[in-house]
Protein backbone atom coordinates (compact mmCIF):
# COMPACT_ATOMS: atom_id res chain seq x y z
CA UNK A 1 -31.32 13.73 10.37
CA UNK A 2 -30.55 11.51 7.42
CA UNK A 3 -30.02 7.77 7.61
CA UNK A 4 -27.53 6.01 5.39
CA UNK A 5 -27.80 2.23 4.94
CA UNK A 6 -25.52 -0.03 2.99
CA UNK A 7 -27.04 -2.78 1.44
CA UNK A 8 7.66 -24.78 -6.46
CA UNK A 9 10.08 -22.14 -8.00
CA UNK A 10 9.52 -20.83 -11.50
CA UNK A 11 11.05 -18.36 -13.91
CA UNK A 12 9.77 -14.82 -13.67
CA UNK A 13 8.40 -14.79 -17.22
CA UNK A 14 5.71 -17.40 -17.75
CA UNK A 15 4.60 -18.66 -21.15
CA UNK A 16 1.28 -17.06 -22.20
CA UNK A 17 -0.54 -20.37 -21.98
CA UNK A 18 0.54 -21.19 -18.44
CA UNK A 19 -2.13 -21.48 -15.77
CA UNK A 20 -2.41 -18.78 -13.10
CA UNK A 21 0.38 -18.87 -10.54
CA UNK A 22 -0.95 -19.92 -7.11
CA UNK A 23 -0.53 -17.89 -3.97
CA UNK A 24 2.79 -18.36 -2.21
CA UNK A 25 4.67 -19.73 -5.19
CA UNK A 26 8.30 -18.70 -5.06
CA UNK A 27 9.67 -16.66 -7.91
CA UNK A 28 13.25 -17.13 -9.06
CA UNK A 29 16.17 -15.13 -7.74
CA UNK A 30 15.40 -11.45 -8.17
CA UNK A 31 17.35 -9.97 -11.09
CA UNK A 32 19.19 -6.67 -10.92
CA UNK A 33 16.82 -3.90 -11.99
CA UNK A 34 17.19 -2.50 -15.48
CA UNK A 35 18.51 1.05 -15.62
CA UNK A 36 15.42 3.21 -16.14
CA UNK A 37 15.22 6.19 -18.46
CA UNK A 38 14.92 8.62 -15.54
CA UNK A 39 18.39 7.78 -14.17
CA UNK A 40 21.95 8.44 -15.38
CA UNK A 41 23.47 5.47 -17.16
CA UNK A 42 25.76 4.61 -14.22
CA UNK A 43 22.86 4.18 -11.75
CA UNK A 44 21.32 2.09 -10.16
CA UNK A 45 22.39 -1.25 -11.61
CA UNK A 46 25.60 -1.31 -9.58
CA UNK A 47 23.85 -0.51 -6.28
CA UNK A 48 25.06 -2.79 -3.49
CA UNK A 49 22.75 -5.60 -2.41
CA UNK A 50 21.33 -5.50 1.11
CA UNK A 51 23.79 -6.74 3.70
CA UNK A 52 23.03 -10.43 4.28
CA UNK A 53 21.91 -11.45 7.71
CA UNK A 54 21.99 -14.69 9.64
CA UNK A 55 19.82 -17.46 8.23
CA UNK A 56 18.68 -18.68 11.64
CA UNK A 57 18.99 -18.09 15.33
CA UNK A 58 17.13 -15.84 17.74
CA UNK A 59 16.39 -12.21 17.02
CA UNK A 60 15.12 -11.53 20.52
CA UNK A 61 16.68 -8.42 21.99
CA UNK A 62 17.61 -6.86 18.66
CA UNK A 63 16.65 -3.23 18.29
CA UNK A 64 14.13 -2.09 15.68
CA UNK A 65 13.37 1.53 14.91
CA UNK A 66 9.94 1.93 13.35
CA UNK A 67 9.11 5.23 11.62
CA UNK A 68 5.49 6.37 11.52
CA UNK A 69 3.28 9.40 11.00
CA UNK A 70 -0.26 8.90 12.37
CA UNK A 71 -1.23 5.57 13.97
CA UNK A 72 -2.46 2.95 11.47
CA UNK A 73 -4.04 -0.48 11.78
CA UNK A 74 -1.11 -2.10 9.96
CA UNK A 75 1.33 -0.83 12.58
CA UNK A 76 -0.91 -1.14 15.63
CA UNK A 77 -2.43 -4.55 14.85
CA UNK A 78 0.25 -5.99 12.59
CA UNK A 79 3.84 -4.84 12.98
CA UNK A 80 3.86 -3.99 16.70
CA UNK A 81 2.41 -7.37 17.75
CA UNK A 82 4.81 -9.12 15.35
CA UNK A 83 7.78 -7.29 16.85
CA UNK A 84 6.64 -8.29 20.34
CA UNK A 85 6.23 -11.93 19.30
CA UNK A 86 9.75 -11.92 17.87
CA UNK A 87 11.10 -10.47 21.12
CA UNK A 88 12.42 -7.31 19.46
CA UNK A 89 13.17 -4.15 21.38
CA UNK A 90 11.26 -1.47 19.51
CA UNK A 91 11.48 2.30 19.42
CA UNK A 92 8.90 4.23 17.43
CA UNK A 93 9.99 7.50 15.83
CA UNK A 94 7.17 9.87 14.91
CA UNK A 95 6.12 13.49 14.56
CA UNK A 96 2.85 12.63 16.36
CA UNK A 97 4.08 11.08 19.62
CA UNK A 98 0.99 11.71 21.75
CA UNK A 99 -1.30 9.87 19.33
CA UNK A 100 0.91 6.78 19.49
CA UNK A 101 1.38 6.95 23.27
CA UNK A 102 -2.37 7.15 23.72
CA UNK A 103 -2.93 4.09 21.56
CA UNK A 104 0.03 2.11 22.94
CA UNK A 105 0.83 3.01 26.55
CA UNK A 106 4.27 1.78 27.52
CA UNK A 107 5.66 1.87 23.99
CA UNK A 108 8.97 3.69 23.65
CA UNK A 109 8.15 6.69 21.45
CA UNK A 110 10.59 9.42 20.40
CA UNK A 111 9.54 12.64 18.75
CA UNK A 112 11.32 13.20 15.47
CA UNK A 113 10.81 14.94 12.14
CA UNK A 114 10.46 11.60 10.38
CA UNK A 115 10.15 13.21 6.94
CA UNK A 116 13.79 14.37 7.22
CA UNK A 117 16.40 11.60 6.89
CA UNK A 118 19.03 13.77 8.61
CA UNK A 119 16.77 14.16 11.66
CA UNK A 120 16.06 10.42 11.70
CA UNK A 121 19.76 9.54 11.50
CA UNK A 122 20.62 12.03 14.24
CA UNK A 123 17.85 10.78 16.55
CA UNK A 124 18.87 7.15 16.13
CA UNK A 125 22.56 8.00 16.57
CA UNK A 126 21.80 9.66 19.91
CA UNK A 127 20.12 6.50 21.19
CA UNK A 128 20.72 2.76 21.05
CA UNK A 129 22.42 1.36 17.94
CA UNK A 130 19.91 -0.03 15.44
CA UNK A 131 19.60 -3.55 14.07
CA UNK A 132 16.83 -2.55 11.66
CA UNK A 133 15.08 0.62 10.49
CA UNK A 134 11.60 0.12 9.05
CA UNK A 135 8.45 1.98 8.08
CA UNK A 136 5.13 1.05 6.50
CA UNK A 137 4.27 4.62 5.58
CA UNK A 138 4.08 5.62 1.92
CA UNK A 139 5.56 8.99 2.81
CA UNK A 140 8.56 7.64 4.72
CA UNK A 141 9.98 4.87 2.51
CA UNK A 142 12.82 6.93 1.03
CA UNK A 143 13.76 8.47 4.39
CA UNK A 144 13.76 4.99 5.94
CA UNK A 145 15.87 3.53 3.13
CA UNK A 146 18.45 6.31 3.44
CA UNK A 147 18.64 5.97 7.23
CA UNK A 148 18.98 2.19 7.13
CA UNK A 149 21.67 2.45 4.46
CA UNK A 150 23.56 5.02 6.54
CA UNK A 151 23.82 2.49 9.38
CA UNK A 152 24.79 -0.33 6.99
CA UNK A 153 21.52 -2.20 7.51
CA UNK A 154 19.34 -4.13 5.07
CA UNK A 155 17.17 -1.66 3.18
CA UNK A 156 15.21 -0.95 0.07
CA UNK A 157 17.12 0.91 -2.63
CA UNK A 158 16.22 4.58 -2.03
CA UNK A 159 16.04 5.12 -5.79
CA UNK A 160 13.36 2.45 -6.04
CA UNK A 161 11.37 3.95 -3.15
CA UNK A 162 11.58 7.38 -4.77
CA UNK A 163 10.37 6.06 -8.14
CA UNK A 164 7.46 4.32 -6.45
CA UNK A 165 6.44 7.42 -4.47
CA UNK A 166 6.97 10.05 -7.18
CA UNK A 167 4.36 9.27 -9.84
CA UNK A 168 6.10 11.35 -12.50
CA UNK A 169 9.38 9.53 -11.91
CA UNK A 170 7.55 6.21 -12.00
CA UNK A 171 5.99 7.04 -15.37
CA UNK A 172 9.35 8.11 -16.80
CA UNK A 173 11.01 4.91 -15.60
CA UNK A 174 8.24 2.64 -16.90
CA UNK A 175 8.10 4.40 -20.26
CA UNK A 176 11.34 2.64 -21.19
CA UNK A 177 9.52 -0.71 -21.17
CA UNK A 178 6.93 0.26 -23.78
CA UNK A 179 4.36 -2.09 -22.29
CA UNK A 180 3.71 0.28 -19.41
CA UNK A 181 3.95 3.59 -21.28
CA UNK A 182 1.20 5.95 -20.10
CA UNK A 183 0.67 9.46 -21.47
CA UNK A 184 1.44 11.71 -18.52
CA UNK A 185 2.28 15.37 -17.96
CA UNK A 186 3.61 17.04 -14.83
CA UNK A 187 2.45 20.39 -13.44
CA UNK A 188 5.08 22.13 -11.31
CA UNK A 189 3.93 23.99 -8.19
CA UNK A 190 4.46 27.42 -9.76
CA UNK A 191 3.28 26.50 -13.27
CA UNK A 192 0.12 27.94 -14.81
CA UNK A 193 -2.18 24.99 -15.62
CA UNK A 194 -3.71 26.95 -18.49
CA UNK A 195 -0.28 26.98 -20.16
CA UNK A 196 0.27 23.23 -19.76
CA UNK A 197 0.20 21.40 -23.09
CA UNK A 198 -0.38 17.75 -23.88
CA UNK A 199 -2.99 17.02 -21.20
CA UNK A 200 -4.50 13.67 -22.31
CA UNK A 201 -8.29 14.07 -21.94
CA UNK A 202 -9.94 12.14 -20.41
CA UNK A 203 -7.28 12.06 -17.73
CA UNK A 204 -6.75 11.43 -14.05
CA UNK A 205 -5.41 14.38 -12.07
CA UNK A 206 -3.52 13.53 -8.89
CA UNK A 207 -0.79 14.87 -6.58
CA UNK A 208 2.63 13.75 -7.80
CA UNK A 209 3.45 12.35 -4.37
CA UNK A 210 -0.06 11.61 -3.15
CA UNK A 211 -1.42 8.50 -1.51
CA UNK A 212 -4.59 6.43 -1.81
CA UNK A 213 -7.43 8.36 -3.44
CA UNK A 214 -6.49 11.70 -1.89
CA UNK A 215 -7.27 14.48 -4.41
CA UNK A 216 -7.46 12.00 -7.30
CA UNK A 217 -10.15 12.92 -9.81
CA UNK A 218 -11.27 11.98 -13.33
CA UNK A 219 -11.13 14.96 -15.70
CA UNK A 220 -13.08 15.21 -18.94
CA UNK A 221 -12.11 18.60 -20.35
CA UNK A 222 -9.96 21.69 -19.88
CA UNK A 223 -12.52 23.59 -17.80
CA UNK A 224 -12.70 20.75 -15.26
CA UNK A 225 -8.90 20.47 -15.32
CA UNK A 226 -8.41 24.13 -14.45
CA UNK A 227 -11.09 24.04 -11.75
CA UNK A 228 -9.72 20.95 -10.00
CA UNK A 229 -6.12 22.18 -10.23
CA UNK A 230 -7.18 25.30 -8.34
CA UNK A 231 -9.10 23.28 -5.73
CA UNK A 232 -6.25 20.83 -5.10
CA UNK A 233 -3.68 23.61 -4.90
CA UNK A 234 -5.81 25.39 -2.31
CA UNK A 235 -5.69 22.23 -0.17
CA UNK A 236 -2.06 21.42 -1.00
CA UNK A 237 -0.02 24.60 -1.44
CA UNK A 238 3.27 23.91 -3.19
CA UNK A 239 2.31 20.42 -4.40
CA UNK A 240 3.27 19.25 -7.88
CA UNK A 241 0.47 17.53 -9.82
CA UNK A 242 0.36 14.86 -12.52
CA UNK A 243 -2.26 14.37 -15.24
CA UNK A 244 -2.27 10.85 -16.68
CA UNK A 245 -4.36 9.30 -19.40
CA UNK A 246 -7.37 7.49 -17.98
CA UNK A 247 -6.81 3.73 -18.11
CA UNK A 248 -10.04 1.71 -18.51
CA UNK A 249 -10.39 -1.91 -17.41
CA UNK A 250 -10.63 -4.11 -14.33
CA UNK A 251 -8.66 -2.86 -11.35
CA UNK A 252 -6.60 -5.32 -9.34
CA UNK A 253 -3.71 -5.55 -6.92
CA UNK A 254 -0.65 -7.79 -6.58
CA UNK A 255 0.83 -8.30 -3.12
CA UNK A 256 4.49 -9.37 -3.06
CA UNK A 257 7.13 -10.12 -0.42
CA UNK A 258 10.83 -10.34 -1.22
CA UNK A 259 14.22 -10.41 0.44
CA UNK A 260 16.28 -9.10 -2.49
CA UNK A 261 16.97 -12.66 -3.66
CA UNK A 262 13.62 -14.45 -3.67
CA UNK A 263 10.17 -13.03 -4.32
CA UNK A 264 6.87 -14.48 -3.16
CA UNK A 265 3.43 -13.59 -4.45
CA UNK A 266 1.04 -13.62 -1.52
CA UNK A 267 -2.06 -13.06 -3.61
CA UNK A 268 -3.99 -10.02 -4.72
CA UNK A 269 -7.38 -8.40 -4.84
CA UNK A 270 -10.03 -7.30 -7.31
CA UNK A 271 -10.99 -3.73 -6.49
CA UNK A 272 -14.43 -2.14 -6.83
CA UNK A 273 -14.43 1.66 -6.94
CA UNK A 274 -16.96 4.41 -6.35
CA UNK A 275 -18.54 6.02 -9.43
CA UNK A 276 -16.39 8.54 -11.32
CA UNK A 277 -15.12 11.21 -11.07
CA UNK A 278 -13.61 9.94 -7.79
CA UNK A 279 -11.70 6.76 -7.05
CA UNK A 280 -12.70 5.56 -3.58
CA UNK A 281 -11.99 1.86 -2.99
CA UNK A 282 -15.28 0.44 -1.72
CA UNK A 283 -14.67 -3.31 -1.90
CA UNK A 284 -11.68 -5.67 -2.18
CA UNK A 285 -12.22 -9.32 -3.14
CA UNK A 286 -9.31 -11.71 -2.67
CA UNK A 287 -7.82 -13.21 -5.84
CA UNK A 288 -5.50 -16.16 -5.10
CA UNK A 289 -3.98 -16.10 -8.60
CA UNK A 290 -4.22 -13.52 -11.34
CA UNK A 291 -3.68 -14.85 -14.91
CA UNK A 292 -0.02 -15.70 -15.47
CA UNK A 293 0.51 -13.23 -18.37
CA UNK A 294 -0.88 -10.42 -16.20
CA UNK A 295 1.42 -11.35 -13.30
CA UNK A 296 4.40 -11.48 -15.67
CA UNK A 297 3.66 -7.96 -16.94
CA UNK A 298 3.32 -6.55 -13.44
CA UNK A 299 6.51 -8.24 -12.23
CA UNK A 300 8.39 -6.88 -15.24
CA UNK A 301 7.33 -3.38 -14.23
CA UNK A 302 8.49 -3.96 -10.66
CA UNK A 303 11.84 -5.17 -11.99
CA UNK A 304 12.19 -1.95 -13.96
CA UNK A 305 11.50 0.12 -10.86
CA UNK A 306 13.94 -1.93 -8.77
CA UNK A 307 11.26 -3.20 -6.39
CA UNK A 308 11.92 -6.56 -4.72
CA UNK A 309 12.92 -6.05 -1.09
CA UNK A 310 10.30 -6.24 1.63
CA UNK A 311 6.59 -6.01 1.04
CA UNK A 312 4.89 -4.21 -1.84
CA UNK A 313 1.30 -3.42 -2.85
CA UNK A 314 0.91 -2.80 -6.59
CA UNK A 315 -2.25 -1.52 -8.25
CA UNK A 316 -2.85 -2.23 -11.93
CA UNK A 317 -5.63 -2.28 -14.50
CA UNK A 318 -6.24 -5.00 -17.09
CA UNK A 319 -7.82 -4.08 -20.42
CA UNK A 320 -8.01 -6.52 -23.35
CA UNK A 321 -5.49 -8.80 -21.63
CA UNK A 322 -2.92 -6.05 -21.07
CA UNK A 323 -1.86 -5.02 -17.57
CA UNK A 324 -0.86 -1.40 -16.95
CA UNK A 325 0.43 -0.03 -13.68
CA UNK A 326 -1.69 2.48 -11.77
CA UNK A 327 0.68 2.93 -8.84
CA UNK A 328 3.23 1.08 -6.74
CA UNK A 329 2.98 1.38 -2.96
CA UNK A 330 6.26 0.06 -1.57
CA UNK A 331 4.68 -1.13 1.72
CA UNK A 332 1.92 -3.50 2.79
CA UNK A 333 -1.57 -2.83 1.48
CA UNK A 334 -3.09 -1.21 4.56
CA UNK A 335 -6.78 -0.46 5.20
CA UNK A 336 -6.80 -3.87 6.96
CA UNK A 337 -6.03 -5.71 3.71
CA UNK A 338 -2.73 -6.91 5.21
CA UNK A 339 -4.55 -8.08 8.33
CA UNK A 340 -6.97 -10.16 6.27
CA UNK A 341 -4.10 -11.66 4.24
CA UNK A 342 -2.36 -12.85 7.41
CA UNK A 343 -5.58 -14.43 8.69
CA UNK A 344 -6.58 -15.98 5.36
CA UNK A 345 -3.18 -17.43 4.48
CA UNK A 346 -2.26 -18.49 8.02
CA UNK A 347 1.26 -17.10 7.77
CA UNK A 348 3.09 -14.62 10.05
CA UNK A 349 3.12 -12.00 7.30
CA UNK A 350 4.15 -9.03 9.44
CA UNK A 351 6.91 -11.04 11.15
CA UNK A 352 8.27 -12.11 7.75
CA UNK A 353 8.48 -8.46 6.71
CA UNK A 354 10.36 -7.46 9.85
CA UNK A 355 12.74 -10.41 9.59
CA UNK A 356 13.64 -9.38 6.04
CA UNK A 357 14.61 -5.95 7.36
CA UNK A 358 16.73 -7.71 10.00
CA UNK A 359 18.66 -9.41 7.19
CA UNK A 360 16.91 -12.79 7.16
CA UNK A 361 16.21 -14.70 3.97
CA UNK A 362 12.64 -15.76 3.31
CA UNK A 363 11.87 -19.49 3.29
CA UNK A 364 11.41 -21.15 -0.08
CA UNK A 365 7.85 -22.00 0.93
CA UNK A 366 5.85 -19.62 3.12
CA UNK A 367 3.42 -22.43 4.00
CA UNK A 368 0.38 -20.39 3.01
CA UNK A 369 -3.03 -22.02 3.17
CA UNK A 370 -4.87 -22.29 -0.13
CA UNK A 371 -8.51 -22.61 -1.07
CA UNK A 372 -9.94 -19.83 1.09
CA UNK A 373 -11.84 -16.69 0.17
CA UNK A 374 -11.87 -13.17 1.58
CA UNK A 375 -13.55 -9.81 1.13
CA UNK A 376 -13.19 -6.35 2.58
CA UNK A 377 -16.02 -3.84 2.43
CA UNK A 378 -15.86 -0.19 3.42
CA UNK A 379 -19.13 1.59 4.26
CA UNK A 380 -18.61 5.14 2.97
CA UNK A 381 -20.17 8.40 4.16
CA UNK A 382 -22.16 10.08 1.41
CA UNK A 383 -22.47 13.50 3.06
CA UNK A 384 -20.75 15.85 5.48
CA UNK A 385 -21.97 15.98 9.05
CA UNK A 386 -21.83 14.45 12.51
CA UNK A 387 -22.02 10.70 12.97
CA UNK A 388 -24.91 10.36 15.45
CA UNK A 389 -25.48 6.57 15.36
CA UNK A 390 -23.34 3.69 14.14
CA UNK A 391 -22.60 0.03 14.92
CA UNK A 392 -19.80 -0.82 17.29
CA UNK A 393 -16.96 -3.28 16.72
CA UNK A 394 -17.97 -6.87 16.05
CA UNK A 395 -16.25 -10.25 15.85
CA UNK A 396 -18.64 -12.85 14.49
CA UNK A 397 -18.64 -16.46 13.36
CA UNK A 398 -21.35 -16.93 10.73
CA UNK A 399 -21.30 -20.59 9.81
CA UNK A 400 -17.91 -21.20 8.22
CA UNK A 401 -17.24 -17.48 7.82
CA UNK A 402 -15.26 -15.36 10.26
CA UNK A 403 -16.31 -11.70 10.09
CA UNK A 404 -14.79 -8.68 11.80
CA UNK A 405 -16.11 -5.12 11.80
CA UNK A 406 -14.13 -2.15 13.05
CA UNK A 407 -15.47 1.42 13.11
CA UNK A 408 -13.34 4.10 11.48
CA UNK A 409 -15.17 6.98 13.20
CA UNK A 410 -16.57 7.42 16.67
CA UNK A 411 -20.13 8.54 17.23
CA UNK A 412 -20.07 12.30 17.71
CA UNK A 413 -17.27 12.98 15.23
CA UNK A 414 -17.98 15.61 12.60
CA UNK A 415 -16.35 15.45 9.18
CA UNK A 416 -16.62 17.13 5.80
CA UNK A 417 -17.15 14.99 2.73
CA UNK A 418 -13.60 14.18 1.62
CA UNK A 419 -14.35 12.00 -1.44
CA UNK A 420 -11.43 9.76 -0.40
CA UNK A 421 -10.97 6.81 1.94
CA UNK A 422 -11.19 9.37 4.74
CA UNK A 423 -14.93 8.93 4.18
CA UNK A 424 -14.77 5.34 5.44
CA UNK A 425 -17.16 4.76 8.34
CA UNK A 426 -15.69 1.37 9.09
CA UNK A 427 -14.19 -1.81 7.69
CA UNK A 428 -15.78 -5.21 7.29
CA UNK A 429 -13.36 -8.05 6.69
CA UNK A 430 -14.47 -11.64 6.25
CA UNK A 431 -12.79 -14.94 5.43
CA UNK A 432 -14.26 -18.34 4.69
CA UNK A 433 -14.02 -21.50 2.62
CA UNK A 434 -15.63 -20.12 -0.56
CA UNK A 435 -16.47 -16.74 -2.04
CA UNK A 436 -20.25 -17.16 -2.13
CA UNK A 437 -20.40 -17.86 1.61
CA UNK A 438 -18.18 -14.88 2.35
CA UNK A 439 -20.25 -12.59 0.10
CA UNK A 440 -23.51 -13.67 1.75
CA UNK A 441 -22.09 -13.07 5.21
CA UNK A 442 -20.83 -9.56 4.35
CA UNK A 443 -24.00 -8.56 2.52
CA UNK A 444 -26.20 -9.83 5.34
CA UNK A 445 -24.13 -8.07 8.00
CA UNK A 446 -24.23 -4.72 6.21
CA UNK A 447 -27.99 -5.00 5.59
CA UNK A 448 -28.53 -5.18 9.35
CA UNK A 449 -26.49 -2.04 10.11
CA UNK A 450 -27.15 1.68 9.71
CA UNK A 451 -25.07 4.80 10.07
CA UNK A 452 -26.81 8.07 10.83
CA UNK A 453 -25.16 11.31 9.75
CA UNK A 454 -26.67 14.62 10.84
CA UNK A 455 -25.73 17.60 8.62
């Protein structure tokens, strides 16, 4: 047995000398996205805007279809409670109905091939008419956008969701801006990696339509490239891969919420990763305001991609004052980062997201609290095996700090070593009045815990 222990409204482009933009500041009316280089000249600048909805009045009794794959904390602890508080009638469409029924007895769950927009449209058409179609899954954004558009409902532009999901398409679109040009090559499913030219060593190899840190690896030379291509293809038959130049610098996130007309910044995080060659997010520290020039560069990239409706989690790296996009996840951050944002800012974040998809405009001021601090920490398994001892869930008040711990695995579960966030043993999230107090609380809590993994 081995024991593991963890120790007011502004223009979108800000002058370089402007101070950092505070959390919750409203950005000006969202401009039409520029036509990217990956699209024909006629698209997508003339795409219709989302159908406007009522500015006020009750939404109770309106019908929301929520698309999901496996159960997630964002849905279970965020969007489902928000829908209930709003009085919405909710139907969950999923290809894993038993998992959702077990977690939420009494919830209306319909089995559906949610990766197929035709199946989603047919399933909804056979049931009650929808007032909104929504998903927080990376994999289902384009399907959801197409289904919502079919029924004439407010939706993200499916071209924007596709660019965000498809990393090769995203790189082609952003290349037109110059500022976000990244050397990238695409490996088709049937293409010999040994014949691929222009691989930018050192590079990052990843699935073209992957998520999180799944099968993302730093590559130093051709031998490693060929070896990891073979390993990833064995796990993901038929998947296209992308090799991008490695971008050094400090990794951060920008969390935004828009209604197609107004965009709010709800903060961001500084991200600490595991040692290379893998990219596991081990710690997120809340950043109320990134430097204004950095925010302006990230927002310009989102404009190019056509992102501005609903919630979005954007990852970027800053090197020598220049921000470059890592990836755009056109949904809320997940891994309990959205839960900590709602608690820290004191706003109904999940309800705002759902109301946008019901056609509501966002208020000019979200009323977010300022001056607080937050941190998420993810204890990570360092070996394969069976979890034989681990702390249970905890909700603690440590002075001025509120700390929550939730296990990600049950004692008795056996897992391989994934080298992704599937290796998370649990999540610590803490909020408080200042960062030092929060850091002390998290560090002290982790020092008192242990996780035992038996090979």
